[in-house]
Amino acid sequence: WELRDARGVTVAHVAAEYGHLPDDFDWWDLADARGRTVAHVAAEHGTLPDDFNCWELRDARGVTVAHVAAEYGHLPDDFDWWDLAD
């Protein structure tokens, strides 16, 4: 998962973008060269698993996974972490 291309993007980030992470994936905090985690990429592309529970995870700029998911319209219907703040 840590293999990186010339831009510092990992295999895990690409897999998250296209929804090809395995069910038991747990490297959500793996960051690319810009400080974006795998979870942030998955949140942006709507590929987080149904049981995802690391909404408070922050990228290098301090933005939570929950905020990225909300921005792109990918929060689950049962989301209840409304006390998170950037």
N, C-alpha and C. Protein backbone atom coordinates (compact mmCIF):
# COMPACT_ATOMS: atom_id res chain seq x y z
N TRP A 1 0.80 -1.21 0.00
CA TRP A 1 0.00 0.00 0.00
C TRP A 1 0.84 1.27 0.00
N GLU A 2 2.06 1.18 0.47
CA GLU A 2 2.90 2.37 0.60
C GLU A 2 3.69 2.73 -0.65
N LEU A 3 3.67 1.88 -1.66
CA LEU A 3 4.39 2.17 -2.90
C LEU A 3 3.89 3.49 -3.47
N ARG A 4 4.82 4.39 -3.81
CA ARG A 4 4.46 5.74 -4.26
C ARG A 4 4.91 5.99 -5.68
N ASP A 5 4.15 6.83 -6.38
CA ASP A 5 4.58 7.25 -7.71
C ASP A 5 5.46 8.49 -7.57
N ALA A 6 5.86 9.09 -8.67
CA ALA A 6 6.76 10.24 -8.65
C ALA A 6 6.16 11.45 -7.94
N ARG A 7 4.84 11.51 -7.85
CA ARG A 7 4.17 12.63 -7.17
C ARG A 7 3.91 12.36 -5.69
N GLY A 8 4.28 11.17 -5.22
CA GLY A 8 4.08 10.83 -3.82
C GLY A 8 2.73 10.23 -3.51
N VAL A 9 1.99 9.84 -4.54
CA VAL A 9 0.67 9.23 -4.37
C VAL A 9 0.86 7.73 -4.19
N THR A 10 0.26 7.16 -3.15
CA THR A 10 0.43 5.74 -2.88
C THR A 10 -0.57 4.88 -3.66
N VAL A 11 -0.26 3.60 -3.72
CA VAL A 11 -1.18 2.63 -4.32
C VAL A 11 -2.52 2.67 -3.59
N ALA A 12 -2.47 2.82 -2.28
CA ALA A 12 -3.70 2.86 -1.49
C ALA A 12 -4.57 4.06 -1.87
N HIS A 13 -3.97 5.20 -2.15
CA HIS A 13 -4.74 6.38 -2.56
C HIS A 13 -5.45 6.14 -3.88
N VAL A 14 -4.78 5.52 -4.81
CA VAL A 14 -5.39 5.22 -6.11
C VAL A 14 -6.52 4.21 -5.94
N ALA A 15 -6.28 3.18 -5.14
CA ALA A 15 -7.32 2.18 -4.89
C ALA A 15 -8.54 2.82 -4.22
N ALA A 16 -8.31 3.76 -3.30
CA ALA A 16 -9.42 4.45 -2.63
C ALA A 16 -10.21 5.29 -3.62
N GLU A 17 -9.53 5.94 -4.52
CA GLU A 17 -10.20 6.78 -5.53
C GLU A 17 -11.15 5.96 -6.38
N TYR A 18 -10.74 4.75 -6.72
CA TYR A 18 -11.55 3.93 -7.62
C TYR A 18 -12.38 2.87 -6.91
N GLY A 19 -12.37 2.88 -5.57
CA GLY A 19 -13.19 1.95 -4.81
C GLY A 19 -12.70 0.52 -4.82
N HIS A 20 -11.38 0.34 -4.86
CA HIS A 20 -10.82 -1.00 -4.93
C HIS A 20 -9.99 -1.38 -3.70
N LEU A 21 -10.37 -0.86 -2.54
CA LEU A 21 -9.69 -1.27 -1.31
C LEU A 21 -10.36 -2.54 -0.78
N PRO A 22 -9.59 -3.44 -0.17
CA PRO A 22 -10.19 -4.65 0.38
C PRO A 22 -11.06 -4.34 1.60
N ASP A 23 -11.96 -5.23 1.91
CA ASP A 23 -12.87 -5.03 3.04
C ASP A 23 -12.15 -4.85 4.37
N ASP A 24 -10.99 -5.46 4.52
CA ASP A 24 -10.26 -5.37 5.78
C ASP A 24 -9.19 -4.26 5.78
N PHE A 25 -9.25 -3.35 4.84
CA PHE A 25 -8.27 -2.26 4.77
C PHE A 25 -8.36 -1.41 6.04
N ASP A 26 -7.19 -1.07 6.61
CA ASP A 26 -7.19 -0.25 7.83
C ASP A 26 -6.05 0.77 7.87
N TRP A 27 -5.52 1.13 6.73
CA TRP A 27 -4.45 2.13 6.65
C TRP A 27 -5.02 3.51 6.33
N TRP A 28 -6.13 3.87 6.92
CA TRP A 28 -6.82 5.11 6.58
C TRP A 28 -5.97 6.35 6.79
N ASP A 29 -5.03 6.31 7.71
CA ASP A 29 -4.21 7.49 8.01
C ASP A 29 -2.95 7.61 7.15
N LEU A 30 -2.74 6.69 6.21
CA LEU A 30 -1.60 6.77 5.30
C LEU A 30 -1.73 8.04 4.45
N ALA A 31 -0.74 8.91 4.53
CA ALA A 31 -0.80 10.20 3.83
C ALA A 31 0.07 10.21 2.59
N ASP A 32 -0.36 10.99 1.60
CA ASP A 32 0.45 11.16 0.39
C ASP A 32 1.41 12.33 0.61
N ALA A 33 2.15 12.72 -0.41
CA ALA A 33 3.15 13.78 -0.28
C ALA A 33 2.53 15.13 0.09
N ARG A 34 1.24 15.32 -0.21
CA ARG A 34 0.56 16.58 0.12
C ARG A 34 -0.14 16.53 1.47
N GLY A 35 -0.07 15.38 2.15
CA GLY A 35 -0.68 15.26 3.46
C GLY A 35 -2.12 14.79 3.45
N ARG A 36 -2.62 14.37 2.29
CA ARG A 36 -3.99 13.83 2.20
C ARG A 36 -3.95 12.35 2.55
N THR A 37 -4.85 11.93 3.42
CA THR A 37 -4.89 10.53 3.81
C THR A 37 -5.73 9.71 2.83
N VAL A 38 -5.59 8.41 2.92
CA VAL A 38 -6.40 7.51 2.11
C VAL A 38 -7.88 7.74 2.42
N ALA A 39 -8.20 7.96 3.68
CA ALA A 39 -9.59 8.21 4.07
C ALA A 39 -10.14 9.46 3.40
N HIS A 40 -9.35 10.51 3.29
CA HIS A 40 -9.81 11.74 2.65
C HIS A 40 -10.11 11.52 1.17
N VAL A 41 -9.28 10.74 0.51
CA VAL A 41 -9.51 10.43 -0.90
C VAL A 41 -10.78 9.61 -1.06
N ALA A 42 -10.95 8.60 -0.21
CA ALA A 42 -12.15 7.77 -0.27
C ALA A 42 -13.40 8.59 0.03
N ALA A 43 -13.31 9.52 0.98
CA ALA A 43 -14.45 10.38 1.31
C ALA A 43 -14.83 11.26 0.13
N GLU A 44 -13.85 11.79 -0.55
CA GLU A 44 -14.10 12.64 -1.72
C GLU A 44 -14.80 11.86 -2.83
N HIS A 45 -14.40 10.62 -3.02
CA HIS A 45 -14.92 9.83 -4.14
C HIS A 45 -16.08 8.91 -3.76
N GLY A 46 -16.52 8.98 -2.51
CA GLY A 46 -17.66 8.18 -2.08
C GLY A 46 -17.38 6.70 -1.97
N THR A 47 -16.14 6.35 -1.64
CA THR A 47 -15.77 4.93 -1.59
C THR A 47 -15.43 4.44 -0.19
N LEU A 48 -15.82 5.19 0.84
CA LEU A 48 -15.60 4.71 2.20
C LEU A 48 -16.52 3.53 2.48
N PRO A 49 -16.06 2.57 3.29
CA PRO A 49 -16.92 1.43 3.61
C PRO A 49 -18.07 1.85 4.53
N ASP A 50 -19.12 1.08 4.54
CA ASP A 50 -20.29 1.39 5.37
C ASP A 50 -19.96 1.47 6.85
N ASP A 51 -18.98 0.70 7.31
CA ASP A 51 -18.63 0.68 8.73
C ASP A 51 -17.47 1.62 9.07
N PHE A 52 -17.15 2.57 8.22
CA PHE A 52 -16.06 3.51 8.47
C PHE A 52 -16.34 4.30 9.74
N ASN A 53 -15.32 4.46 10.60
CA ASN A 53 -15.52 5.16 11.87
C ASN A 53 -14.35 6.08 12.26
N CYS A 54 -13.61 6.56 11.30
CA CYS A 54 -12.48 7.46 11.58
C CYS A 54 -12.78 8.87 11.07
N TRP A 55 -13.98 9.32 11.29
CA TRP A 55 -14.42 10.62 10.76
C TRP A 55 -13.59 11.78 11.27
N GLU A 56 -12.97 11.64 12.44
CA GLU A 56 -12.19 12.72 13.04
C GLU A 56 -10.78 12.83 12.49
N LEU A 57 -10.36 11.88 11.67
CA LEU A 57 -9.01 11.88 11.09
C LEU A 57 -8.80 13.17 10.30
N ARG A 58 -7.66 13.82 10.53
CA ARG A 58 -7.37 15.11 9.88
C ARG A 58 -6.23 14.97 8.88
N ASP A 59 -6.31 15.76 7.82
CA ASP A 59 -5.21 15.80 6.85
C ASP A 59 -4.18 16.83 7.33
N ALA A 60 -3.16 17.08 6.53
CA ALA A 60 -2.09 18.00 6.92
C ALA A 60 -2.58 19.43 7.15
N ARG A 61 -3.72 19.79 6.57
CA ARG A 61 -4.28 21.13 6.76
C ARG A 61 -5.27 21.20 7.91
N GLY A 62 -5.53 20.05 8.56
CA GLY A 62 -6.44 20.01 9.69
C GLY A 62 -7.89 19.74 9.33
N VAL A 63 -8.16 19.38 8.09
CA VAL A 63 -9.53 19.12 7.64
C VAL A 63 -9.89 17.67 7.95
N THR A 64 -11.06 17.46 8.55
CA THR A 64 -11.47 16.10 8.91
C THR A 64 -12.04 15.35 7.71
N VAL A 65 -12.05 14.03 7.81
CA VAL A 65 -12.66 13.18 6.79
C VAL A 65 -14.14 13.52 6.68
N ALA A 66 -14.78 13.78 7.80
CA ALA A 66 -16.21 14.12 7.79
C ALA A 66 -16.48 15.36 6.95
N HIS A 67 -15.64 16.36 7.06
CA HIS A 67 -15.85 17.59 6.30
C HIS A 67 -15.67 17.36 4.79
N VAL A 68 -14.73 16.52 4.43
CA VAL A 68 -14.55 16.20 3.00
C VAL A 68 -15.76 15.43 2.49
N ALA A 69 -16.21 14.44 3.25
CA ALA A 69 -17.39 13.67 2.84
C ALA A 69 -18.61 14.57 2.70
N ALA A 70 -18.78 15.51 3.62
CA ALA A 70 -19.92 16.43 3.55
C ALA A 70 -19.81 17.34 2.33
N GLU A 71 -18.62 17.84 2.07
CA GLU A 71 -18.41 18.72 0.93
C GLU A 71 -18.78 18.05 -0.39
N TYR A 72 -18.50 16.77 -0.51
CA TYR A 72 -18.76 16.05 -1.75
C TYR A 72 -20.06 15.25 -1.73
N GLY A 73 -20.86 15.42 -0.68
CA GLY A 73 -22.16 14.76 -0.61
C GLY A 73 -22.10 13.27 -0.33
N HIS A 74 -21.09 12.85 0.45
CA HIS A 74 -20.91 11.43 0.70
C HIS A 74 -21.02 11.03 2.17
N LEU A 75 -21.68 11.84 2.99
CA LEU A 75 -21.90 11.42 4.37
C LEU A 75 -23.00 10.36 4.38
N PRO A 76 -22.86 9.34 5.21
CA PRO A 76 -23.92 8.33 5.28
C PRO A 76 -25.18 8.89 5.95
N ASP A 77 -26.30 8.30 5.67
CA ASP A 77 -27.57 8.77 6.24
C ASP A 77 -27.58 8.73 7.76
N ASP A 78 -26.86 7.78 8.35
CA ASP A 78 -26.85 7.64 9.81
C ASP A 78 -25.67 8.37 10.47
N PHE A 79 -25.03 9.28 9.77
CA PHE A 79 -23.90 10.04 10.33
C PHE A 79 -24.36 10.81 11.56
N ASP A 80 -23.58 10.71 12.65
CA ASP A 80 -23.96 11.41 13.88
C ASP A 80 -22.76 12.04 14.61
N TRP A 81 -21.74 12.38 13.88
CA TRP A 81 -20.56 13.00 14.46
C TRP A 81 -20.61 14.52 14.27
N TRP A 82 -21.72 15.13 14.54
CA TRP A 82 -21.92 16.55 14.23
C TRP A 82 -21.10 17.50 15.09
N ASP A 83 -20.44 17.00 16.12
CA ASP A 83 -19.64 17.87 16.98
C ASP A 83 -18.22 18.10 16.47
N LEU A 84 -17.86 17.51 15.35
CA LEU A 84 -16.52 17.71 14.78
C LEU A 84 -16.38 19.13 14.23
N ALA A 85 -15.21 19.70 14.42
CA ALA A 85 -14.94 21.04 13.89
C ALA A 85 -13.55 21.06 13.26
N ASP A 86 -13.40 21.82 12.18
CA ASP A 86 -12.08 21.99 11.56
C ASP A 86 -11.32 23.05 12.31
